[in-house]
Protein backbone atom coordinates (compact mmCIF):
# COMPACT_ATOMS: atom_id res chain seq x y z
CA MET A 1 -30.15 -47.95 -53.79
CA THR A 2 -27.38 -46.37 -51.91
CA ILE A 3 -27.48 -45.79 -48.18
CA ILE A 4 -25.46 -42.94 -47.01
CA LYS A 5 -24.91 -42.52 -43.32
CA THR A 6 -23.44 -39.41 -41.96
CA PHE A 7 -21.69 -39.68 -38.69
CA GLU A 8 -22.10 -36.65 -36.55
CA PRO A 9 -20.13 -36.43 -33.35
CA GLU A 10 -22.25 -36.89 -30.29
CA GLU A 11 -22.26 -34.30 -27.62
CA THR A 12 -19.92 -35.43 -24.89
CA THR A 13 -21.17 -33.03 -22.29
CA ARG A 14 -23.70 -34.63 -20.03
CA LYS A 15 -25.95 -32.54 -17.95
CA LEU A 16 -26.50 -33.57 -14.36
CA PRO A 17 -30.08 -34.16 -13.40
CA LYS A 18 -31.65 -31.37 -11.45
CA VAL A 19 -32.20 -33.68 -8.48
CA TYR A 20 -28.45 -34.09 -7.94
CA ILE A 21 -27.87 -30.36 -8.13
CA ILE A 22 -30.65 -29.66 -5.65
CA LEU A 23 -29.36 -32.36 -3.27
CA ALA A 24 -25.85 -30.92 -3.46
CA ILE A 25 -27.11 -27.41 -2.68
CA VAL A 26 -29.25 -28.65 0.22
CA GLY A 27 -26.30 -30.65 1.55
CA LEU A 28 -23.96 -27.67 1.41
CA VAL A 29 -26.47 -25.37 3.10
CA SER A 30 -27.09 -27.92 5.85
CA LEU A 31 -23.33 -28.34 6.40
CA MET A 32 -22.94 -24.56 6.67
CA LEU A 33 -25.72 -24.37 9.23
CA ILE A 34 -24.17 -27.21 11.24
CA GLU A 35 -20.79 -25.46 11.19
CA ILE A 36 -22.35 -22.21 12.45
CA TRP A 37 -24.12 -24.10 15.24
CA VAL A 38 -20.93 -25.92 16.27
CA ASN A 39 -18.95 -22.67 16.36
CA ASN A 40 -21.57 -20.97 18.54
CA THR A 41 -21.72 -23.95 20.86
CA MET A 42 -17.94 -24.06 21.20
CA ILE A 43 -17.86 -20.36 22.06
CA ALA A 44 -20.47 -20.87 24.77
CA TYR A 45 -18.58 -23.85 26.19
CA GLY A 46 -15.34 -21.85 26.04
CA GLU A 47 -16.85 -19.14 28.23
CA ARG A 48 -18.14 -21.76 30.67
CA PHE A 49 -14.72 -23.42 30.71
CA ALA A 50 -13.03 -20.09 31.48
CA LYS A 51 -15.46 -19.45 34.36
CA LEU A 52 -14.91 -22.94 35.74
CA THR A 53 -11.14 -22.55 35.46
CA ASN A 54 -11.27 -19.27 37.39
CA ALA A 55 -13.50 -20.85 40.03
CA GLU A 56 -11.07 -23.77 40.34
CA LYS A 57 -8.13 -21.39 40.82
CA ASN A 58 -10.04 -19.48 43.50
CA LEU A 59 -11.00 -22.67 45.32
CA LEU A 60 -7.44 -24.00 45.20
CA MET A 61 -6.15 -20.72 46.63
CA GLU A 62 -8.79 -20.73 49.37
CA ASN A 63 -7.97 -24.37 50.14
CA GLN A 64 -4.27 -23.52 50.46
CA ILE A 65 -5.07 -20.61 52.79
CA LEU A 66 -7.23 -22.89 54.97
CA GLU A 67 -4.52 -25.58 55.05
CA ASN A 68 -1.98 -22.96 56.15
CA GLU A 69 -4.35 -21.74 58.86
CA ILE A 70 -4.89 -25.31 60.12
CA ALA A 71 -1.14 -25.97 60.16
CA LYS A 72 -0.56 -22.72 62.06
CA ARG A 73 -3.21 -23.55 64.67
CA LEU A 74 -1.94 -27.09 65.14
CA SER A 75 1.71 -26.11 65.58
CA LEU A 76 3.33 -27.08 68.89
CA THR A 77 4.16 -23.50 69.89
CA ASN A 78 0.59 -22.37 69.32
CA LEU A 79 -0.81 -25.37 71.23
CA ALA A 80 1.59 -24.76 74.11
CA SER A 81 0.63 -21.08 74.41
CA GLU A 82 -3.11 -21.82 74.22
CA SER A 83 -2.84 -24.61 76.81
CA ALA A 84 -0.89 -22.26 79.12
CA GLN A 85 -3.68 -19.68 78.77
CA LEU A 86 -6.20 -22.36 79.79
CA GLY A 87 -4.16 -23.25 82.90
CA PHE A 88 -2.46 -26.42 81.78
CA SER A 89 1.22 -26.93 82.56
CA ALA A 90 3.92 -29.36 81.59
CA ALA A 91 3.99 -32.56 83.66
CA GLN A 92 6.63 -32.54 86.42
CA SER A 93 6.67 -36.24 87.06
CA ILE A 94 4.90 -39.09 85.33
CA LEU A 95 2.86 -41.49 87.42
CA TYR A 96 1.96 -44.86 86.00
CA VAL A 97 -1.15 -46.66 87.21
CA ARG A 98 -1.12 -50.46 87.23
């Protein structure tokens, strides 16, 4: 009795299980949705940041204007003219009380 074995080459291509393919597709879709959400959120925050930056510039300018106005009103020439209008005069002689 003779046994003859024939060796046939095995298929080397393996097929991935359907579960892995489905998980990969679900993962990719979820990553795309997350990317879209992040982009929309960043755009909204960018608009808010631009508004806040403009508000900051306006407030800094207004603060500078108010500081200039305070400095102008507290200047010695302005104080001297306002005190003269109120009837105050420069002291002629200084008297010390002990």
